[in-house]
Amino acid sequence: MNIFAQLTPQGLGDSFHTHVSQSLDKFIYGVVAALAGILALIVVWEVANILRRRRRPRLLFYDLAVLHGIPRGVQRWLLHIARTHKLADPAYLFVCPDLFRQIKLLEISDARDDKSRRRLEFFFQQFETSAFGKGS
C-alpha cells in the first residue's frame, strides 16, 4: 500500500489508475456474469414453458380435431362445452361417446328456445358423425 505523502503527483495518478482499472475489471466481470445468469434463466424458463405446453390436455384435443377435420369455430365451441361441464381433458369428447351423449342431452335440454335447440341438435349431429362415424 502506498502512502500518499511518499508519492509524487505522477505516482499518485498511476496508483489511482491501477485501482480504478482493477475495480472496473471486476465490475465488468460481474455484469457479464449477471447477464449470463439472466440469459440462462430465460432459456430455462422458455424450455420449461415449451415442455409444459406439450403436456397440456388440449393438444390431444387439437390433434383429434384436426384429424377429424373439425373447423376452428367448432373447436372453440367444443372447448367451451368441455369447460362448462368441467371435463379434465376436452379430448374426452372424442374418446368417450357415452360422455359425449350425456353432455349432448344436457346441452339440448338446457336450450333457451326451439331455434337454439335445433342449432344444437344439428351441431352435435355433425360432430358425432365426424368424430364417431355415425349419427345418434
N, C-alpha and C. Protein backbone atom coordinates (compact mmCIF):
# COMPACT_ATOMS: atom_id res chain seq x y z
N MET A 1 0.84 -1.17 0.00
CA MET A 1 0.00 0.00 0.00
C MET A 1 0.88 1.23 0.00
N ASN A 2 0.54 2.16 -0.82
CA ASN A 2 1.30 3.40 -0.92
C ASN A 2 0.75 4.44 0.04
N ILE A 3 1.65 5.16 0.63
CA ILE A 3 1.26 6.28 1.48
C ILE A 3 1.29 7.51 0.60
N PHE A 4 0.19 8.28 0.64
CA PHE A 4 0.07 9.41 -0.29
C PHE A 4 1.20 10.42 -0.13
N ALA A 5 1.75 10.59 1.05
CA ALA A 5 2.82 11.58 1.27
C ALA A 5 4.10 11.16 0.58
N GLN A 6 4.30 9.88 0.30
CA GLN A 6 5.53 9.41 -0.31
C GLN A 6 5.46 9.46 -1.84
N LEU A 7 4.28 9.63 -2.39
CA LEU A 7 4.12 9.59 -3.84
C LEU A 7 4.26 10.97 -4.47
N THR A 8 4.75 10.97 -5.65
CA THR A 8 4.77 12.19 -6.45
C THR A 8 3.39 12.33 -7.08
N PRO A 9 3.04 13.50 -7.58
CA PRO A 9 1.73 13.63 -8.23
C PRO A 9 1.55 12.63 -9.36
N GLN A 10 2.63 12.34 -10.11
CA GLN A 10 2.55 11.36 -11.19
C GLN A 10 2.28 9.96 -10.62
N GLY A 11 2.97 9.59 -9.59
CA GLY A 11 2.80 8.29 -8.96
C GLY A 11 1.42 8.14 -8.34
N LEU A 12 0.90 9.24 -7.78
CA LEU A 12 -0.45 9.21 -7.20
C LEU A 12 -1.49 8.92 -8.28
N GLY A 13 -1.32 9.52 -9.43
CA GLY A 13 -2.24 9.27 -10.55
C GLY A 13 -2.15 7.84 -11.04
N ASP A 14 -0.93 7.29 -11.13
CA ASP A 14 -0.76 5.90 -11.57
C ASP A 14 -1.41 4.93 -10.59
N SER A 15 -1.24 5.21 -9.30
CA SER A 15 -1.83 4.35 -8.29
C SER A 15 -3.36 4.37 -8.38
N PHE A 16 -3.91 5.56 -8.58
CA PHE A 16 -5.36 5.69 -8.72
C PHE A 16 -5.85 4.97 -9.97
N HIS A 17 -5.11 5.12 -11.07
CA HIS A 17 -5.48 4.47 -12.33
C HIS A 17 -5.47 2.95 -12.17
N THR A 18 -4.47 2.40 -11.50
CA THR A 18 -4.39 0.96 -11.27
C THR A 18 -5.57 0.49 -10.44
N HIS A 19 -5.91 1.25 -9.40
CA HIS A 19 -7.04 0.88 -8.54
C HIS A 19 -8.36 0.90 -9.32
N VAL A 20 -8.57 1.96 -10.10
CA VAL A 20 -9.80 2.08 -10.90
C VAL A 20 -9.85 0.99 -11.96
N SER A 21 -8.72 0.69 -12.58
CA SER A 21 -8.67 -0.33 -13.62
C SER A 21 -9.04 -1.70 -13.05
N GLN A 22 -8.52 -2.04 -11.88
CA GLN A 22 -8.84 -3.33 -11.26
C GLN A 22 -10.31 -3.37 -10.85
N SER A 23 -10.82 -2.28 -10.31
CA SER A 23 -12.22 -2.23 -9.91
C SER A 23 -13.13 -2.34 -11.13
N LEU A 24 -12.75 -1.67 -12.21
CA LEU A 24 -13.55 -1.71 -13.44
C LEU A 24 -13.57 -3.11 -14.02
N ASP A 25 -12.43 -3.81 -13.99
CA ASP A 25 -12.39 -5.18 -14.49
C ASP A 25 -13.33 -6.08 -13.67
N LYS A 26 -13.29 -5.94 -12.36
CA LYS A 26 -14.18 -6.75 -11.50
C LYS A 26 -15.64 -6.41 -11.78
N PHE A 27 -15.92 -5.13 -11.99
CA PHE A 27 -17.29 -4.71 -12.28
C PHE A 27 -17.78 -5.30 -13.60
N ILE A 28 -16.93 -5.24 -14.61
CA ILE A 28 -17.31 -5.77 -15.94
C ILE A 28 -17.54 -7.28 -15.85
N TYR A 29 -16.65 -7.99 -15.15
CA TYR A 29 -16.85 -9.43 -14.99
C TYR A 29 -18.15 -9.73 -14.24
N GLY A 30 -18.46 -8.92 -13.26
CA GLY A 30 -19.70 -9.09 -12.51
C GLY A 30 -20.93 -8.87 -13.38
N VAL A 31 -20.88 -7.82 -14.21
CA VAL A 31 -22.00 -7.53 -15.12
C VAL A 31 -22.16 -8.65 -16.14
N VAL A 32 -21.06 -9.13 -16.70
CA VAL A 32 -21.12 -10.22 -17.68
C VAL A 32 -21.68 -11.48 -17.02
N ALA A 33 -21.24 -11.78 -15.81
CA ALA A 33 -21.75 -12.96 -15.11
C ALA A 33 -23.25 -12.81 -14.81
N ALA A 34 -23.68 -11.61 -14.41
CA ALA A 34 -25.10 -11.38 -14.13
C ALA A 34 -25.93 -11.53 -15.40
N LEU A 35 -25.45 -10.97 -16.51
CA LEU A 35 -26.17 -11.10 -17.77
C LEU A 35 -26.23 -12.55 -18.23
N ALA A 36 -25.15 -13.29 -18.07
CA ALA A 36 -25.14 -14.71 -18.44
C ALA A 36 -26.13 -15.49 -17.57
N GLY A 37 -26.19 -15.16 -16.30
CA GLY A 37 -27.15 -15.82 -15.41
C GLY A 37 -28.59 -15.53 -15.80
N ILE A 38 -28.87 -14.27 -16.14
CA ILE A 38 -30.21 -13.89 -16.56
C ILE A 38 -30.57 -14.59 -17.86
N LEU A 39 -29.63 -14.64 -18.79
CA LEU A 39 -29.87 -15.31 -20.06
C LEU A 39 -30.13 -16.80 -19.84
N ALA A 40 -29.36 -17.44 -18.97
CA ALA A 40 -29.58 -18.86 -18.67
C ALA A 40 -30.95 -19.06 -18.03
N LEU A 41 -31.34 -18.17 -17.15
CA LEU A 41 -32.66 -18.26 -16.52
C LEU A 41 -33.78 -18.14 -17.55
N ILE A 42 -33.63 -17.22 -18.49
CA ILE A 42 -34.64 -17.04 -19.55
C ILE A 42 -34.73 -18.30 -20.41
N VAL A 43 -33.59 -18.87 -20.77
CA VAL A 43 -33.59 -20.09 -21.59
C VAL A 43 -34.27 -21.24 -20.85
N VAL A 44 -33.95 -21.42 -19.58
CA VAL A 44 -34.57 -22.48 -18.79
C VAL A 44 -36.08 -22.25 -18.69
N TRP A 45 -36.48 -21.00 -18.48
CA TRP A 45 -37.91 -20.65 -18.39
C TRP A 45 -38.64 -21.01 -19.68
N GLU A 46 -38.06 -20.64 -20.82
CA GLU A 46 -38.69 -20.92 -22.11
C GLU A 46 -38.78 -22.42 -22.38
N VAL A 47 -37.73 -23.16 -22.07
CA VAL A 47 -37.77 -24.62 -22.27
C VAL A 47 -38.85 -25.23 -21.39
N ALA A 48 -38.96 -24.76 -20.16
CA ALA A 48 -40.00 -25.27 -19.25
C ALA A 48 -41.39 -24.96 -19.81
N ASN A 49 -41.58 -23.75 -20.37
CA ASN A 49 -42.87 -23.41 -20.97
C ASN A 49 -43.20 -24.30 -22.16
N ILE A 50 -42.21 -24.58 -22.98
CA ILE A 50 -42.44 -25.44 -24.15
C ILE A 50 -42.83 -26.84 -23.69
N LEU A 51 -42.12 -27.36 -22.70
CA LEU A 51 -42.45 -28.70 -22.21
C LEU A 51 -43.82 -28.73 -21.54
N ARG A 52 -44.16 -27.66 -20.82
CA ARG A 52 -45.47 -27.60 -20.16
C ARG A 52 -46.59 -27.55 -21.19
N ARG A 53 -46.37 -26.78 -22.27
CA ARG A 53 -47.40 -26.69 -23.31
C ARG A 53 -47.60 -28.03 -24.01
N ARG A 54 -46.53 -28.80 -24.15
CA ARG A 54 -46.66 -30.10 -24.83
C ARG A 54 -47.46 -31.09 -24.00
N ARG A 55 -47.48 -30.93 -22.69
CA ARG A 55 -48.21 -31.85 -21.83
C ARG A 55 -49.65 -31.43 -21.60
N ARG A 56 -50.03 -30.30 -22.12
CA ARG A 56 -51.39 -29.84 -21.88
C ARG A 56 -52.40 -30.77 -22.54
N PRO A 57 -53.53 -31.01 -21.86
CA PRO A 57 -54.55 -31.90 -22.42
C PRO A 57 -55.14 -31.38 -23.73
N ARG A 58 -55.12 -30.08 -23.93
CA ARG A 58 -55.73 -29.54 -25.14
C ARG A 58 -55.00 -29.98 -26.40
N LEU A 59 -53.72 -30.31 -26.31
CA LEU A 59 -53.00 -30.71 -27.51
C LEU A 59 -53.61 -31.96 -28.13
N LEU A 60 -53.98 -32.93 -27.32
CA LEU A 60 -54.64 -34.12 -27.84
C LEU A 60 -55.97 -33.74 -28.47
N PHE A 61 -56.69 -32.84 -27.82
CA PHE A 61 -57.97 -32.37 -28.38
C PHE A 61 -57.74 -31.75 -29.75
N TYR A 62 -56.75 -30.85 -29.86
CA TYR A 62 -56.49 -30.20 -31.15
C TYR A 62 -56.04 -31.21 -32.20
N ASP A 63 -55.21 -32.17 -31.82
CA ASP A 63 -54.79 -33.20 -32.76
C ASP A 63 -55.98 -34.00 -33.27
N LEU A 64 -56.87 -34.37 -32.36
CA LEU A 64 -58.06 -35.13 -32.77
C LEU A 64 -58.99 -34.29 -33.63
N ALA A 65 -59.11 -33.01 -33.29
CA ALA A 65 -59.98 -32.13 -34.07
C ALA A 65 -59.45 -31.97 -35.49
N VAL A 66 -58.15 -31.81 -35.63
CA VAL A 66 -57.54 -31.68 -36.96
C VAL A 66 -57.70 -32.99 -37.72
N LEU A 67 -57.49 -34.09 -37.03
CA LEU A 67 -57.62 -35.41 -37.66
C LEU A 67 -59.02 -35.64 -38.20
N HIS A 68 -60.04 -35.17 -37.47
CA HIS A 68 -61.43 -35.34 -37.90
C HIS A 68 -61.91 -34.20 -38.79
N GLY A 69 -61.06 -33.21 -39.04
CA GLY A 69 -61.42 -32.11 -39.93
C GLY A 69 -62.45 -31.17 -39.33
N ILE A 70 -62.38 -30.91 -38.06
CA ILE A 70 -63.34 -30.03 -37.40
C ILE A 70 -62.82 -28.60 -37.46
N PRO A 71 -63.63 -27.65 -37.96
CA PRO A 71 -63.18 -26.26 -38.10
C PRO A 71 -62.90 -25.60 -36.75
N ARG A 72 -62.13 -24.51 -36.79
CA ARG A 72 -61.72 -23.80 -35.56
C ARG A 72 -62.90 -23.29 -34.73
N GLY A 73 -63.91 -22.77 -35.39
CA GLY A 73 -65.07 -22.27 -34.65
C GLY A 73 -65.75 -23.36 -33.86
N VAL A 74 -65.87 -24.53 -34.46
CA VAL A 74 -66.48 -25.67 -33.77
C VAL A 74 -65.57 -26.13 -32.64
N GLN A 75 -64.26 -26.08 -32.86
CA GLN A 75 -63.30 -26.45 -31.80
C GLN A 75 -63.48 -25.55 -30.58
N ARG A 76 -63.61 -24.24 -30.85
CA ARG A 76 -63.80 -23.30 -29.72
C ARG A 76 -65.09 -23.60 -28.97
N TRP A 77 -66.12 -23.93 -29.72
CA TRP A 77 -67.40 -24.24 -29.10
C TRP A 77 -67.30 -25.52 -28.26
N LEU A 78 -66.62 -26.52 -28.79
CA LEU A 78 -66.43 -27.76 -28.04
C LEU A 78 -65.59 -27.52 -26.78
N LEU A 79 -64.57 -26.69 -26.88
CA LEU A 79 -63.77 -26.36 -25.69
C LEU A 79 -64.62 -25.64 -24.65
N HIS A 80 -65.49 -24.77 -25.12
CA HIS A 80 -66.39 -24.08 -24.19
C HIS A 80 -67.33 -25.07 -23.50
N ILE A 81 -67.85 -26.00 -24.26
CA ILE A 81 -68.73 -27.03 -23.68
C ILE A 81 -67.97 -27.88 -22.67
N ALA A 82 -66.74 -28.26 -23.00
CA ALA A 82 -65.93 -29.07 -22.09
C ALA A 82 -65.63 -28.30 -20.80
N ARG A 83 -65.35 -27.01 -20.94
CA ARG A 83 -65.09 -26.17 -19.76
C ARG A 83 -66.36 -26.02 -18.91
N THR A 84 -67.49 -25.85 -19.57
CA THR A 84 -68.76 -25.69 -18.87
C THR A 84 -69.09 -26.93 -18.05
N HIS A 85 -68.79 -28.10 -18.61
CA HIS A 85 -69.09 -29.36 -17.92
C HIS A 85 -67.91 -29.87 -17.10
N LYS A 86 -66.88 -29.02 -16.96
CA LYS A 86 -65.72 -29.30 -16.09
C LYS A 86 -65.02 -30.61 -16.45
N LEU A 87 -64.82 -30.84 -17.74
CA LEU A 87 -64.05 -32.01 -18.16
C LEU A 87 -62.57 -31.75 -17.91
N ALA A 88 -61.88 -32.72 -17.34
CA ALA A 88 -60.44 -32.56 -17.08
C ALA A 88 -59.67 -32.47 -18.40
N ASP A 89 -60.13 -33.20 -19.39
CA ASP A 89 -59.47 -33.23 -20.69
C ASP A 89 -60.53 -33.11 -21.77
N PRO A 90 -60.48 -32.04 -22.59
CA PRO A 90 -61.51 -31.89 -23.63
C PRO A 90 -61.50 -33.00 -24.67
N ALA A 91 -60.41 -33.75 -24.75
CA ALA A 91 -60.34 -34.86 -25.71
C ALA A 91 -61.32 -35.97 -25.35
N TYR A 92 -61.83 -35.97 -24.11
CA TYR A 92 -62.84 -36.96 -23.72
C TYR A 92 -64.07 -36.89 -24.62
N LEU A 93 -64.32 -35.71 -25.19
CA LEU A 93 -65.47 -35.59 -26.10
C LEU A 93 -65.30 -36.51 -27.30
N PHE A 94 -64.05 -36.75 -27.72
CA PHE A 94 -63.78 -37.64 -28.85
C PHE A 94 -63.68 -39.09 -28.41
N VAL A 95 -63.14 -39.31 -27.23
CA VAL A 95 -62.77 -40.65 -26.80
C VAL A 95 -63.93 -41.39 -26.16
N CYS A 96 -64.79 -40.68 -25.45
CA CYS A 96 -65.88 -41.32 -24.70
C CYS A 96 -67.24 -40.96 -25.31
N PRO A 97 -67.77 -41.79 -26.20
CA PRO A 97 -69.07 -41.48 -26.82
C PRO A 97 -70.20 -41.37 -25.81
N ASP A 98 -70.16 -42.16 -24.74
CA ASP A 98 -71.24 -42.09 -23.75
C ASP A 98 -71.23 -40.75 -23.02
N LEU A 99 -70.06 -40.29 -22.66
CA LEU A 99 -69.94 -38.98 -22.01
C LEU A 99 -70.42 -37.88 -22.96
N PHE A 100 -70.03 -38.01 -24.24
CA PHE A 100 -70.47 -37.03 -25.24
C PHE A 100 -71.99 -37.01 -25.33
N ARG A 101 -72.62 -38.17 -25.34
CA ARG A 101 -74.08 -38.23 -25.46
C ARG A 101 -74.77 -37.63 -24.24
N GLN A 102 -74.21 -37.84 -23.05
CA GLN A 102 -74.78 -37.22 -21.84
C GLN A 102 -74.71 -35.70 -21.92
N ILE A 103 -73.55 -35.20 -22.34
CA ILE A 103 -73.39 -33.75 -22.46
C ILE A 103 -74.33 -33.22 -23.54
N LYS A 104 -74.47 -33.96 -24.62
CA LYS A 104 -75.37 -33.56 -25.70
C LYS A 104 -76.80 -33.42 -25.17
N LEU A 105 -77.27 -34.41 -24.43
CA LEU A 105 -78.63 -34.35 -23.88
C LEU A 105 -78.80 -33.18 -22.92
N LEU A 106 -77.78 -32.93 -22.08
CA LEU A 106 -77.85 -31.80 -21.16
C LEU A 106 -77.90 -30.46 -21.90
N GLU A 107 -77.05 -30.32 -22.90
CA GLU A 107 -77.00 -29.06 -23.65
C GLU A 107 -78.30 -28.82 -24.40
N ILE A 108 -78.83 -29.86 -25.04
CA ILE A 108 -80.07 -29.70 -25.81
C ILE A 108 -81.24 -29.41 -24.87
N SER A 109 -81.28 -30.08 -23.72
CA SER A 109 -82.38 -29.84 -22.79
C SER A 109 -82.30 -28.45 -22.15
N ASP A 110 -81.10 -27.88 -22.07
CA ASP A 110 -80.94 -26.54 -21.49
C ASP A 110 -81.09 -25.42 -22.52
N ALA A 111 -81.41 -25.77 -23.77
CA ALA A 111 -81.54 -24.74 -24.81
C ALA A 111 -82.67 -23.77 -24.47
N ARG A 112 -82.49 -22.50 -24.83
CA ARG A 112 -83.46 -21.46 -24.48
C ARG A 112 -84.75 -21.56 -25.28
N ASP A 113 -84.60 -21.83 -26.58
CA ASP A 113 -85.80 -21.87 -27.43
C ASP A 113 -85.62 -22.95 -28.49
N ASP A 114 -86.63 -23.10 -29.35
CA ASP A 114 -86.59 -24.13 -30.38
C ASP A 114 -85.47 -23.91 -31.39
N LYS A 115 -85.23 -22.65 -31.73
CA LYS A 115 -84.17 -22.36 -32.69
C LYS A 115 -82.81 -22.79 -32.13
N SER A 116 -82.55 -22.47 -30.87
CA SER A 116 -81.29 -22.89 -30.23
C SER A 116 -81.21 -24.40 -30.14
N ARG A 117 -82.31 -25.02 -29.83
CA ARG A 117 -82.34 -26.48 -29.72
C ARG A 117 -82.01 -27.14 -31.06
N ARG A 118 -82.64 -26.63 -32.14
CA ARG A 118 -82.36 -27.19 -33.47
C ARG A 118 -80.91 -26.97 -33.86
N ARG A 119 -80.39 -25.78 -33.55
CA ARG A 119 -78.99 -25.49 -33.87
C ARG A 119 -78.05 -26.44 -33.11
N LEU A 120 -78.34 -26.67 -31.84
CA LEU A 120 -77.51 -27.58 -31.04
C LEU A 120 -77.62 -29.02 -31.55
N GLU A 121 -78.84 -29.44 -31.89
CA GLU A 121 -79.01 -30.79 -32.42
C GLU A 121 -78.22 -30.98 -33.71
N PHE A 122 -78.28 -29.97 -34.59
CA PHE A 122 -77.53 -30.04 -35.84
C PHE A 122 -76.03 -30.07 -35.57
N PHE A 123 -75.58 -29.23 -34.65
CA PHE A 123 -74.15 -29.17 -34.30
C PHE A 123 -73.67 -30.51 -33.75
N PHE A 124 -74.40 -31.05 -32.78
CA PHE A 124 -73.98 -32.31 -32.17
C PHE A 124 -74.07 -33.47 -33.15
N GLN A 125 -75.06 -33.43 -34.04
CA GLN A 125 -75.18 -34.50 -35.03
C GLN A 125 -73.98 -34.46 -35.98
N GLN A 126 -73.59 -33.28 -36.43
CA GLN A 126 -72.43 -33.17 -37.31
C GLN A 126 -71.16 -33.63 -36.60
N PHE A 127 -70.99 -33.19 -35.35
CA PHE A 127 -69.80 -33.59 -34.62
C PHE A 127 -69.77 -35.09 -34.39
N GLU A 128 -70.91 -35.66 -34.02
CA GLU A 128 -70.97 -37.10 -33.77
C GLU A 128 -70.67 -37.88 -35.04
N THR A 129 -71.16 -37.39 -36.17
CA THR A 129 -70.90 -38.06 -37.44
C THR A 129 -69.40 -38.02 -37.77
N SER A 130 -68.77 -36.86 -37.56
CA SER A 130 -67.36 -36.75 -37.91
C SER A 130 -66.46 -37.44 -36.88
N ALA A 131 -66.84 -37.42 -35.61
CA ALA A 131 -65.98 -37.99 -34.57
C ALA A 131 -66.15 -39.49 -34.41
N PHE A 132 -67.41 -39.95 -34.49
CA PHE A 132 -67.66 -41.36 -34.21
C PHE A 132 -68.09 -42.14 -35.45
N GLY A 133 -68.31 -41.45 -36.55
CA GLY A 133 -68.63 -42.12 -37.80
C GLY A 133 -70.08 -42.50 -37.98
N LYS A 134 -70.94 -42.05 -37.09
CA LYS A 134 -72.37 -42.36 -37.23
C LYS A 134 -73.18 -41.30 -36.52
N GLY A 135 -74.41 -41.20 -36.84
CA GLY A 135 -75.32 -40.27 -36.17
C GLY A 135 -75.90 -40.89 -34.91
N SER A 136 -76.67 -40.11 -34.17
CA SER A 136 -77.24 -40.65 -32.93
C SER A 136 -78.40 -41.48 -33.24
